[in-house]
Structure formats: C-alpha cells, structure tokens
PDB file of N, CA and C in Angstrom:
ATOM      1  N   MET A   1      26.281  16.581  -4.331  1.00  0.00           N
ATOM      2  CA  MET A   1      25.248  15.380  -4.714  1.00  0.00           C
ATOM      3  C   MET A   1      25.896  14.569  -5.873  1.00  0.00           C
ATOM      4  N   ALA A   2      26.861  15.131  -6.683  1.00  0.00           N
ATOM      5  CA  ALA A   2      27.363  14.622  -7.726  1.00  0.00           C
ATOM      6  C   ALA A   2      28.160  13.175  -7.177  1.00  0.00           C
ATOM      7  N   GLU A   3      28.756  13.167  -5.949  1.00  0.00           N
ATOM      8  CA  GLU A   3      29.267  11.844  -5.476  1.00  0.00           C
ATOM      9  C   GLU A   3      28.461  10.930  -5.184  1.00  0.00           C
ATOM     10  N   TYR A   4      27.056  11.129  -4.888  1.00  0.00           N
ATOM     11  CA  TYR A   4      26.027  10.221  -4.703  1.00  0.00           C
ATOM     12  C   TYR A   4      25.308   9.574  -5.804  1.00  0.00           C
ATOM     13  N   VAL A   5      25.575  10.322  -6.946  1.00  0.00           N
ATOM     14  CA  VAL A   5      24.876   9.945  -8.195  1.00  0.00           C
ATOM     15  C   VAL A   5      24.968   8.465  -8.763  1.00  0.00           C
ATOM     16  N   PRO A   6      26.214   8.076  -8.804  1.00  0.00           N
ATOM     17  CA  PRO A   6      26.821   6.574  -9.198  1.00  0.00           C
ATOM     18  C   PRO A   6      25.948   5.739  -8.250  1.00  0.00           C
ATOM     19  N   GLY A   7      26.138   5.852  -7.158  1.00  0.00           N
ATOM     20  CA  GLY A   7      25.464   5.160  -6.097  1.00  0.00           C
ATOM     21  C   GLY A   7      23.771   4.903  -6.384  1.00  0.00           C
ATOM     22  N   ILE A   8      23.043   6.033  -6.544  1.00  0.00           N
ATOM     23  CA  ILE A   8      21.622   6.269  -6.577  1.00  0.00           C
ATOM     24  C   ILE A   8      21.368   5.504  -8.086  1.00  0.00           C
ATOM     25  N   VAL A   9      22.168   5.939  -9.040  1.00  0.00           N
ATOM     26  CA  VAL A   9      21.981   4.980 -10.463  1.00  0.00           C
ATOM     27  C   VAL A   9      22.057   3.583 -10.277  1.00  0.00           C
ATOM     28  N   LYS A  10      23.112   3.010  -9.605  1.00  0.00           N
ATOM     29  CA  LYS A  10      23.181   1.821  -9.367  1.00  0.00           C
ATOM     30  C   LYS A  10      21.937   1.083  -8.739  1.00  0.00           C
ATOM     31  N   GLY A  11      21.399   1.844  -7.832  1.00  0.00           N
ATOM     32  CA  GLY A  11      20.238   1.555  -7.132  1.00  0.00           C
ATOM     33  C   GLY A  11      19.156   1.111  -8.179  1.00  0.00           C
ATOM     34  N   TYR A  12      18.997   2.158  -8.914  1.00  0.00           N
ATOM     35  CA  TYR A  12      17.826   2.008  -9.746  1.00  0.00           C
ATOM     36  C   TYR A  12      18.136   0.999 -10.985  1.00  0.00           C
ATOM     37  N   LEU A  13      19.389   0.652 -11.426  1.00  0.00           N
ATOM     38  CA  LEU A  13      19.560  -0.280 -12.288  1.00  0.00           C
ATOM     39  C   LEU A  13      19.385  -1.599 -11.786  1.00  0.00           C
ATOM     40  N   VAL A  14      19.678  -1.861 -10.674  1.00  0.00           N
ATOM     41  CA  VAL A  14      19.699  -3.092 -10.023  1.00  0.00           C
ATOM     42  C   VAL A  14      18.387  -3.558  -9.617  1.00  0.00           C
ATOM     43  N   GLU A  15      17.549  -2.443  -9.093  1.00  0.00           N
ATOM     44  CA  GLU A  15      16.172  -2.737  -9.029  1.00  0.00           C
ATOM     45  C   GLU A  15      15.691  -3.134 -10.339  1.00  0.00           C
ATOM     46  N   VAL A  16      15.680  -2.200 -11.343  1.00  0.00           N
ATOM     47  CA  VAL A  16      15.106  -2.304 -12.689  1.00  0.00           C
ATOM     48  C   VAL A  16      15.427  -4.073 -13.172  1.00  0.00           C
ATOM     49  N   LEU A  17      16.475  -4.317 -13.017  1.00  0.00           N
ATOM     50  CA  LEU A  17      17.360  -5.486 -13.532  1.00  0.00           C
ATOM     51  C   LEU A  17      16.891  -6.787 -12.435  1.00  0.00           C
ATOM     52  N   SER A  18      16.427  -6.537 -11.440  1.00  0.00           N
ATOM     53  CA  SER A  18      16.283  -7.691 -10.313  1.00  0.00           C
ATOM     54  C   SER A  18      15.256  -8.574 -10.705  1.00  0.00           C
ATOM     55  N   LYS A  19      14.287  -8.408 -11.614  1.00  0.00           N
ATOM     56  CA  LYS A  19      12.974  -9.210 -11.846  1.00  0.00           C
ATOM     57  C   LYS A  19      13.418  -9.887 -13.254  1.00  0.00           C
ATOM     58  N   VAL A  20      14.631  -9.406 -13.773  1.00  0.00           N
ATOM     59  CA  VAL A  20      14.822  -9.955 -15.132  1.00  0.00           C
ATOM     60  C   VAL A  20      15.968 -11.219 -15.092  1.00  0.00           C
ATOM     61  N   SER A  21      15.188 -12.635 -15.722  1.00  0.00           N
ATOM     62  CA  SER A  21      15.998 -13.473 -15.620  1.00  0.00           C
ATOM     63  C   SER A  21      17.035 -13.749 -16.704  1.00  0.00           C
ATOM     64  N   VAL A  22      18.055 -14.480 -16.581  1.00  0.00           N
ATOM     65  CA  VAL A  22      19.095 -14.434 -18.091  1.00  0.00           C
ATOM     66  C   VAL A  22      18.331 -14.732 -19.257  1.00  0.00           C
ATOM     67  N   ALA A  23      17.470 -15.594 -19.363  1.00  0.00           N
ATOM     68  CA  ALA A  23      16.903 -15.722 -20.365  1.00  0.00           C
ATOM     69  C   ALA A  23      16.061 -14.534 -21.166  1.00  0.00           C
ATOM     70  N   GLU A  24      15.160 -13.862 -20.011  1.00  0.00           N
ATOM     71  CA  GLU A  24      14.852 -12.659 -20.674  1.00  0.00           C
ATOM     72  C   GLU A  24      15.853 -11.711 -21.123  1.00  0.00           C
ATOM     73  N   ALA A  25      17.146 -11.520 -20.539  1.00  0.00           N
ATOM     74  CA  ALA A  25      18.070 -10.528 -20.636  1.00  0.00           C
ATOM     75  C   ALA A  25      18.509 -10.932 -22.124  1.00  0.00           C
ATOM     76  N   VAL A  26      18.644 -12.140 -22.544  1.00  0.00           N
ATOM     77  CA  VAL A  26      19.047 -12.608 -23.819  1.00  0.00           C
ATOM     78  C   VAL A  26      18.017 -12.197 -24.945  1.00  0.00           C
ATOM     79  N   ASP A  27      16.690 -12.280 -24.494  1.00  0.00           N
ATOM     80  CA  ASP A  27      15.743 -11.609 -25.432  1.00  0.00           C
ATOM     81  C   ASP A  27      15.863 -10.542 -25.293  1.00  0.00           C
ATOM     82  N   TRP A  28      15.985  -9.600 -24.578  1.00  0.00           N
ATOM     83  CA  TRP A  28      16.007  -8.284 -24.283  1.00  0.00           C
ATOM     84  C   TRP A  28      17.170  -7.758 -25.353  1.00  0.00           C
ATOM     85  N   VAL A  29      18.461  -8.458 -25.412  1.00  0.00           N
ATOM     86  CA  VAL A  29      19.476  -8.178 -26.300  1.00  0.00           C
ATOM     87  C   VAL A  29      18.952  -8.567 -27.691  1.00  0.00           C
ATOM     88  N   GLY A  30      18.470  -9.695 -28.044  1.00  0.00           N
ATOM     89  CA  GLY A  30      18.220 -10.116 -29.028  1.00  0.00           C
ATOM     90  C   GLY A  30      17.248  -9.364 -30.090  1.00  0.00           C
ATOM     91  N   THR A  31      16.100  -8.421 -28.934  1.00  0.00           N
ATOM     92  CA  THR A  31      15.115  -7.598 -29.792  1.00  0.00           C
ATOM     93  C   THR A  31      15.688  -6.263 -29.611  1.00  0.00           C
ATOM     94  N   ASP A  32      16.665  -5.877 -28.994  1.00  0.00           N
ATOM     95  CA  ASP A  32      17.139  -4.582 -28.944  1.00  0.00           C
ATOM     96  C   ASP A  32      16.326  -3.699 -28.001  1.00  0.00           C
ATOM     97  N   ARG A  33      15.600  -4.352 -27.012  1.00  0.00           N
ATOM     98  CA  ARG A  33      14.554  -3.944 -25.939  1.00  0.00           C
ATOM     99  C   ARG A  33      15.459  -2.654 -25.033  1.00  0.00           C
ATOM    100  N   SER A  34      14.754  -1.713 -25.104  1.00  0.00           N
ATOM    101  CA  SER A  34      15.252  -0.570 -24.719  1.00  0.00           C
ATOM    102  C   SER A  34      15.027  -0.877 -22.782  1.00  0.00           C
ATOM    103  N   LEU A  35      16.440  -0.417 -22.491  1.00  0.00           N
ATOM    104  CA  LEU A  35      16.341  -0.182 -20.738  1.00  0.00           C
ATOM    105  C   LEU A  35      15.713   0.860 -20.444  1.00  0.00           C
ATOM    106  N   TYR A  36      15.834   2.014 -21.089  1.00  0.00           N
ATOM    107  CA  TYR A  36      15.210   3.460 -20.523  1.00  0.00           C
ATOM    108  C   TYR A  36      13.637   2.972 -20.387  1.00  0.00           C
ATOM    109  N   ASP A  37      13.119   2.242 -21.462  1.00  0.00           N
ATOM    110  CA  ASP A  37      11.483   2.122 -21.242  1.00  0.00           C
ATOM    111  C   ASP A  37      11.273   0.872 -20.088  1.00  0.00           C
ATOM    112  N   GLN A  38      12.216   0.481 -19.756  1.00  0.00           N
ATOM    113  CA  GLN A  38      11.775  -0.512 -18.578  1.00  0.00           C
ATOM    114  C   GLN A  38      11.787   0.230 -17.209  1.00  0.00           C
ATOM    115  N   ILE A  39      12.460   1.285 -17.108  1.00  0.00           N
ATOM    116  CA  ILE A  39      12.482   2.213 -15.826  1.00  0.00           C
ATOM    117  C   ILE A  39      10.841   2.799 -15.684  1.00  0.00           C
ATOM    118  N   PRO A  40      10.544   2.632 -14.302  1.00  0.00           N
ATOM    119  CA  PRO A  40       9.180   3.397 -13.922  1.00  0.00           C
ATOM    120  C   PRO A  40       9.196   4.826 -14.155  1.00  0.00           C
ATOM    121  N   GLU A  41       8.087   5.270 -14.538  1.00  0.00           N
ATOM    122  CA  GLU A  41       8.140   6.813 -14.847  1.00  0.00           C
ATOM    123  C   GLU A  41       8.523   7.694 -13.615  1.00  0.00           C
ATOM    124  N   ASN A  42       7.874   7.079 -12.496  1.00  0.00           N
ATOM    125  CA  ASN A  42       8.361   8.065 -11.310  1.00  0.00           C
ATOM    126  C   ASN A  42       9.886   8.051 -11.002  1.00  0.00           C
ATOM    127  N   TYR A  43      10.747   6.976 -11.265  1.00  0.00           N
ATOM    128  CA  TYR A  43      12.188   6.660 -11.365  1.00  0.00           C
ATOM    129  C   TYR A  43      12.878   7.861 -12.318  1.00  0.00           C
ATOM    130  N   LYS A  44      12.240   7.990 -13.506  1.00  0.00           N
ATOM    131  CA  LYS A  44      12.594   8.708 -14.650  1.00  0.00           C
ATOM    132  C   LYS A  44      12.607  10.125 -14.230  1.00  0.00           C
ATOM    133  N   LEU A  45      11.541  10.568 -13.843  1.00  0.00           N
ATOM    134  CA  LEU A  45      11.071  11.869 -13.246  1.00  0.00           C
ATOM    135  C   LEU A  45      12.142  12.255 -12.310  1.00  0.00           C
ATOM    136  N   ARG A  46      12.097  11.245 -11.531  1.00  0.00           N
ATOM    137  CA  ARG A  46      13.283  11.955 -10.190  1.00  0.00           C
ATOM    138  C   ARG A  46      14.581  11.911 -10.542  1.00  0.00           C
ATOM    139  N   LEU A  47      15.092  10.979 -11.549  1.00  0.00           N
ATOM    140  CA  LEU A  47      16.348  11.432 -12.310  1.00  0.00           C
ATOM    141  C   LEU A  47      16.402  12.557 -13.086  1.00  0.00           C
ATOM    142  N   LYS A  48      15.466  12.675 -14.036  1.00  0.00           N
ATOM    143  CA  LYS A  48      15.580  14.030 -14.694  1.00  0.00           C
ATOM    144  C   LYS A  48      15.757  15.407 -14.108  1.00  0.00           C
ATOM    145  N   THR A  49      15.103  15.361 -12.662  1.00  0.00           N
ATOM    146  CA  THR A  49      15.215  16.400 -11.906  1.00  0.00           C
ATOM    147  C   THR A  49      16.398  16.499 -11.213  1.00  0.00           C
ATOM    148  N   MET A  50      17.238  15.607 -10.948  1.00  0.00           N
ATOM    149  CA  MET A  50      18.389  15.427 -10.417  1.00  0.00           C
ATOM    150  C   MET A  50      19.623  16.192 -10.848  1.00  0.00           C
ATOM    151  N   LYS A  51      20.592  16.985 -10.570  1.00  0.00           N
ATOM    152  CA  LYS A  51      21.651  17.255 -11.283  1.00  0.00           C
ATOM    153  C   LYS A  51      22.749  16.007 -11.684  1.00  0.00           C
ATOM    154  N   LEU A  52      22.512  15.411 -12.544  1.00  0.00           N
ATOM    155  CA  LEU A  52      23.479  13.946 -12.570  1.00  0.00           C
ATOM    156  C   LEU A  52      24.611  14.448 -13.610  1.00  0.00           C
ATOM    157  N   GLY A  53      25.099  15.648 -13.719  1.00  0.00           N
ATOM    158  CA  GLY A  53      26.322  15.935 -14.653  1.00  0.00           C
ATOM    159  C   GLY A  53      26.531  15.137 -15.883  1.00  0.00           C
ATOM    160  N   LYS A  54      27.666  14.811 -16.349  1.00  0.00           N
ATOM    161  CA  LYS A  54      27.670  14.452 -17.872  1.00  0.00           C
ATOM    162  C   LYS A  54      27.805  12.705 -17.742  1.00  0.00           C
ATOM    163  N   MET A  55      27.797  12.319 -16.368  1.00  0.00           N
ATOM    164  CA  MET A  55      27.841  10.652 -16.101  1.00  0.00           C
ATOM    165  C   MET A  55      28.570   9.876 -17.213  1.00  0.00           C
ATOM    166  N   ASN A  56      29.775  10.297 -17.305  1.00  0.00           N
ATOM    167  CA  ASN A  56      30.701   9.663 -18.154  1.00  0.00           C
ATOM    168  C   ASN A  56      31.160   8.282 -17.499  1.00  0.00           C
ATOM    169  N   TRP A  57      30.828   8.194 -16.244  1.00  0.00           N
ATOM    170  CA  TRP A  57      31.234   6.793 -15.674  1.00  0.00           C
ATOM    171  C   TRP A  57      30.276   5.706 -15.945  1.00  0.00           C
ATOM    172  N   LEU A  58      29.022   6.240 -16.617  1.00  0.00           N
ATOM    173  CA  LEU A  58      28.039   5.137 -16.936  1.00  0.00           C
ATOM    174  C   LEU A  58      28.296   4.415 -18.136  1.00  0.00           C
ATOM    175  N   THR A  59      29.019   3.065 -18.051  1.00  0.00           N
ATOM    176  CA  THR A  59      29.487   2.231 -19.298  1.00  0.00           C
ATOM    177  C   THR A  59      29.010   0.977 -18.959  1.00  0.00           C
ATOM    178  N   ALA A  60      29.057   0.145 -20.152  1.00  0.00           N
ATOM    179  CA  ALA A  60      29.097  -1.311 -19.866  1.00  0.00           C
ATOM    180  C   ALA A  60      29.957  -1.737 -18.636  1.00  0.00           C
ATOM    181  N   ASP A  61      31.104  -1.699 -18.633  1.00  0.00           N
ATOM    182  CA  ASP A  61      31.797  -2.150 -17.613  1.00  0.00           C
ATOM    183  C   ASP A  61      31.154  -1.943 -16.137  1.00  0.00           C
ATOM    184  N   TRP A  62      30.995  -0.508 -16.049  1.00  0.00           N
ATOM    185  CA  TRP A  62      30.469   0.189 -14.700  1.00  0.00           C
ATOM    186  C   TRP A  62      29.103  -0.560 -14.465  1.00  0.00           C
ATOM    187  N   GLY A  63      28.069  -0.921 -15.471  1.00  0.00           N
ATOM    188  CA  GLY A  63      26.825  -1.453 -15.270  1.00  0.00           C
ATOM    189  C   GLY A  63      27.232  -2.974 -14.861  1.00  0.00           C
ATOM    190  N   ILE A  64      28.286  -3.555 -15.551  1.00  0.00           N
ATOM    191  CA  ILE A  64      28.515  -5.079 -15.071  1.00  0.00           C
ATOM    192  C   ILE A  64      28.939  -5.157 -13.453  1.00  0.00           C
ATOM    193  N   GLU A  65      29.674  -4.223 -13.086  1.00  0.00           N
ATOM    194  CA  GLU A  65      30.243  -3.937 -12.003  1.00  0.00           C
ATOM    195  C   GLU A  65      29.098  -3.673 -10.802  1.00  0.00           C
ATOM    196  N   ALA A  66      28.163  -2.860 -11.386  1.00  0.00           N
ATOM    197  CA  ALA A  66      26.987  -2.790 -10.212  1.00  0.00           C
ATOM    198  C   ALA A  66      26.153  -3.893 -10.054  1.00  0.00           C
ATOM    199  N   LEU A  67      26.119  -4.773 -11.100  1.00  0.00           N
ATOM    200  CA  LEU A  67      25.055  -5.779 -11.266  1.00  0.00           C
ATOM    201  C   LEU A  67      25.825  -7.171 -10.150  1.00  0.00           C
ATOM    202  N   LYS A  68      27.492  -7.071 -10.221  1.00  0.00           N
ATOM    203  CA  LYS A  68      27.869  -8.238  -9.648  1.00  0.00           C
ATOM    204  C   LYS A  68      27.389  -8.718  -8.264  1.00  0.00           C
ATOM    205  N   ASP A  69      27.112  -8.005  -7.345  1.00  0.00           N
ATOM    206  CA  ASP A  69      26.879  -8.509  -6.175  1.00  0.00           C
ATOM    207  C   ASP A  69      25.142  -9.092  -5.942  1.00  0.00           C
ATOM    208  N   LYS A  70      24.385  -8.329  -6.663  1.00  0.00           N
ATOM    209  CA  LYS A  70      23.092  -8.820  -6.565  1.00  0.00           C
ATOM    210  C   LYS A  70      22.628  -9.557  -7.844  1.00  0.00           C
ATOM    211  N   ARG A  71      23.118  -9.484  -8.845  1.00  0.00           N
ATOM    212  CA  ARG A  71      22.576 -10.391 -10.007  1.00  0.00           C
ATOM    213  C   ARG A  71      23.997 -10.881 -10.884  1.00  0.00           C
ATOM    214  N   PRO A  72      24.887 -11.759 -10.117  1.00  0.00           N
ATOM    215  CA  PRO A  72      26.003 -12.259 -10.778  1.00  0.00           C
ATOM    216  C   PRO A  72      25.538 -13.012 -12.069  1.00  0.00           C
ATOM    217  N   ALA A  73      24.613 -13.642 -12.224  1.00  0.00           N
ATOM    218  CA  ALA A  73      24.228 -14.312 -13.730  1.00  0.00           C
ATOM    219  C   ALA A  73      24.108 -13.412 -14.490  1.00  0.00           C
ATOM    220  N   LEU A  74      23.630 -12.204 -14.413  1.00  0.00           N
ATOM    221  CA  LEU A  74      23.387 -11.158 -15.411  1.00  0.00           C
ATOM    222  C   LEU A  74      24.753 -10.432 -15.751  1.00  0.00           C
ATOM    223  N   ALA A  75      25.572 -10.179 -14.680  1.00  0.00           N
ATOM    224  CA  ALA A  75      26.922  -9.405 -14.906  1.00  0.00           C
ATOM    225  C   ALA A  75      27.918 -10.431 -15.468  1.00  0.00           C
ATOM    226  N   SER A  76      27.683 -11.792 -15.305  1.00  0.00           N
ATOM    227  CA  SER A  76      28.538 -12.658 -16.292  1.00  0.00           C
ATOM    228  C   SER A  76      28.062 -12.817 -17.658  1.00  0.00           C
ATOM    229  N   LEU A  77      26.801 -12.622 -17.789  1.00  0.00           N
ATOM    230  CA  LEU A  77      26.219 -12.770 -19.418  1.00  0.00           C
ATOM    231  C   LEU A  77      26.862 -11.465 -20.152  1.00  0.00           C
ATOM    232  N   PHE A  78      26.536 -10.388 -19.415  1.00  0.00           N
ATOM    233  CA  PHE A  78      26.902  -9.014 -19.974  1.00  0.00           C
ATOM    234  C   PHE A  78      28.422  -8.894 -20.177  1.00  0.00           C
ATOM    235  N   ALA A  79      29.369  -9.608 -19.389  1.00  0.00           N
ATOM    236  CA  ALA A  79      31.027  -9.536 -19.335  1.00  0.00           C
ATOM    237  C   ALA A  79      31.448 -10.458 -20.235  1.00  0.00           C
ATOM    238  N   SER A  80      30.738 -11.544 -20.630  1.00  0.00           N
ATOM    239  CA  SER A  80      31.318 -12.549 -21.502  1.00  0.00           C
ATOM    240  C   SER A  80      30.554 -12.712 -22.788  1.00  0.00           C
ATOM    241  N   TRP A  81      29.429 -12.007 -22.971  1.00  0.00           N
ATOM    242  CA  TRP A  81      28.840 -12.396 -24.522  1.00  0.00           C
ATOM    243  C   TRP A  81      28.965 -10.930 -24.997  1.00  0.00           C
ATOM    244  N   LEU A  82      29.637 -11.150 -26.290  1.00  0.00           N
ATOM    245  CA  LEU A  82      29.835  -9.610 -26.899  1.00  0.00           C
ATOM    246  C   LEU A  82      28.708  -9.058 -27.387  1.00  0.00           C
ATOM    247  N   GLU A  83      27.644  -9.775 -27.767  1.00  0.00           N
ATOM    248  CA  GLU A  83      26.496  -9.122 -28.186  1.00  0.00           C
ATOM    249  C   GLU A  83      25.758  -8.453 -26.909  1.00  0.00           C
ATOM    250  N   GLY A  84      26.016  -8.895 -25.827  1.00  0.00           N
ATOM    251  CA  GLY A  84      25.025  -8.336 -24.536  1.00  0.00           C
ATOM    252  C   GLY A  84      25.818  -7.231 -24.031  1.00  0.00           C
ATOM    253  N   HIS A  85      27.332  -7.334 -24.110  1.00  0.00           N
ATOM    254  CA  HIS A  85      28.273  -6.245 -23.728  1.00  0.00           C
ATOM    255  C   HIS A  85      27.761  -5.126 -24.701  1.00  0.00           C
ATOM    256  N   TYR A  86      27.630  -5.392 -25.677  1.00  0.00           N
ATOM    257  CA  TYR A  86      27.473  -4.047 -26.949  1.00  0.00           C
ATOM    258  C   TYR A  86      26.002  -3.541 -26.767  1.00  0.00           C
ATOM    259  N   TRP A  87      24.867  -4.199 -26.271  1.00  0.00           N
ATOM    260  CA  TRP A  87      23.727  -3.685 -25.848  1.00  0.00           C
ATOM    261  C   TRP A  87      23.715  -3.091 -24.835  1.00  0.00           C
ATOM    262  N   LEU A  88      24.469  -3.594 -23.944  1.00  0.00           N
ATOM    263  CA  LEU A  88      24.581  -2.971 -22.557  1.00  0.00           C
ATOM    264  C   LEU A  88      25.194  -1.587 -22.730  1.00  0.00           C
ATOM    265  N   GLU A  89      26.332  -1.406 -23.439  1.00  0.00           N
ATOM    266  CA  GLU A  89      26.980  -0.196 -23.765  1.00  0.00           C
ATOM    267  C   GLU A  89      25.932   0.542 -24.413  1.00  0.00           C
ATOM    268  N   CYS A  90      25.307   0.244 -25.553  1.00  0.00           N
ATOM    269  CA  CYS A  90      24.214   0.996 -26.178  1.00  0.00           C
ATOM    270  C   CYS A  90      23.233   1.560 -25.148  1.00  0.00           C
ATOM    271  N   GLN A  91      23.058   0.949 -24.286  1.00  0.00           N
ATOM    272  CA  GLN A  91      21.727   1.248 -23.188  1.00  0.00           C
ATOM    273  C   GLN A  91      22.225   2.310 -22.383  1.00  0.00           C
ATOM    274  N   CYS A  92      23.636   2.273 -22.000  1.00  0.00           N
ATOM    275  CA  CYS A  92      24.201   3.096 -20.998  1.00  0.00           C
ATOM    276  C   CYS A  92      24.206   4.398 -21.619  1.00  0.00           C
ATOM    277  N   LYS A  93      24.548   4.523 -23.063  1.00  0.00           N
ATOM    278  CA  LYS A  93      24.593   5.820 -23.755  1.00  0.00           C
ATOM    279  C   LYS A  93      23.416   6.179 -23.722  1.00  0.00           C
ATOM    280  N   LYS A  94      22.391   5.400 -23.985  1.00  0.00           N
ATOM    281  CA  LYS A  94      21.114   5.938 -24.070  1.00  0.00           C
ATOM    282  C   LYS A  94      20.459   6.731 -22.887  1.00  0.00           C
ATOM    283  N   LEU A  95      20.853   6.061 -21.793  1.00  0.00           N
ATOM    284  CA  LEU A  95      20.446   6.559 -20.223  1.00  0.00           C
ATOM    285  C   LEU A  95      21.268   8.103 -20.100  1.00  0.00           C
ATOM    286  N   LYS A  96      22.522   8.073 -20.838  1.00  0.00           N
ATOM    287  CA  LYS A  96      23.453   9.210 -20.466  1.00  0.00           C
ATOM    288  C   LYS A  96      22.534  10.255 -21.252  1.00  0.00           C
ATOM    289  N   ASP A  97      22.260   9.820 -22.581  1.00  0.00           N
ATOM    290  CA  ASP A  97      21.459  10.843 -23.457  1.00  0.00           C
ATOM    291  C   ASP A  97      20.160  11.463 -22.779  1.00  0.00           C
ATOM    292  N   GLU A  98      19.815  10.720 -22.124  1.00  0.00           N
ATOM    293  CA  GLU A  98      18.292  11.083 -21.317  1.00  0.00           C
ATOM    294  C   GLU A  98      18.555  11.669 -20.141  1.00  0.00           C
ATOM    295  N   PHE A  99      19.489  11.288 -19.423  1.00  0.00           N
ATOM    296  CA  PHE A  99      19.644  11.895 -17.880  1.00  0.00           C
ATOM    297  C   PHE A  99      20.767  12.926 -17.621  1.00  0.00           C
ATOM    298  N   SER A 100      21.633  13.084 -18.633  1.00  0.00           N
ATOM    299  CA  SER A 100      22.909  13.675 -18.442  1.00  0.00           C
ATOM    300  C   SER A 100      22.394  15.380 -18.125  1.00  0.00           C
ATOM    301  N   SER A 101      23.169  15.916 -17.397  1.00  0.00           N
ATOM    302  CA  SER A 101      22.728  17.593 -17.355  1.00  0.00           C
ATOM    303  C   SER A 101      23.960  18.128 -17.649  1.00  0.00           C
TER     304      SER A 101
END
C-alpha cells in the first residue's frame, strides 16, 4: 500500500486544486487559507483510515511536481513566488500532521 500513497494523495491534491484559478490561489496565500479545509470530508475520512506512513515525501516541491501536468499555471506560481512556495510548504506540513500514521 505504501508505494501507492503518493499517487493517491497526488490525485486528491490535483482534484482539490483543479477548480482554483491563479487569482484564487494568490488570495489563498494572502489570507493563509487552509488547504486541509478545502478537502471534502469523504476524502479526509478515506485518507485518515489509510496507512499513509510518515509521508516525508509530502513537500512543496513534491506538490509543485504533482501539479505540473494538470495545473501548470499553479505549479509555476508556487515554484516562482516565494510566499506561495512557503504557503504550500506549510500546507504540506499541516496535511502530514493530519494524515501521517
């Protein structure tokens, strides 16, 4: 199961951010909006019941790479904007705190 976890989390991340425009992402960063709060409850429940391990791979750079194919504008925003990169790193830490086992 552990080998599939990054792909599963990638799918959830991309789906959650699939409807977010670049302008909205900038607003999320500016208001420190929680990415965790945007995850649908049924996704949260599934992730919490899975054996996800320590999730040390879940970093801002991993998130940027995960977004590159489906959301290249967001990936570029988080890669090139220091505040955006920091926000994404903090969000990844929060997700690890919530879902790591």
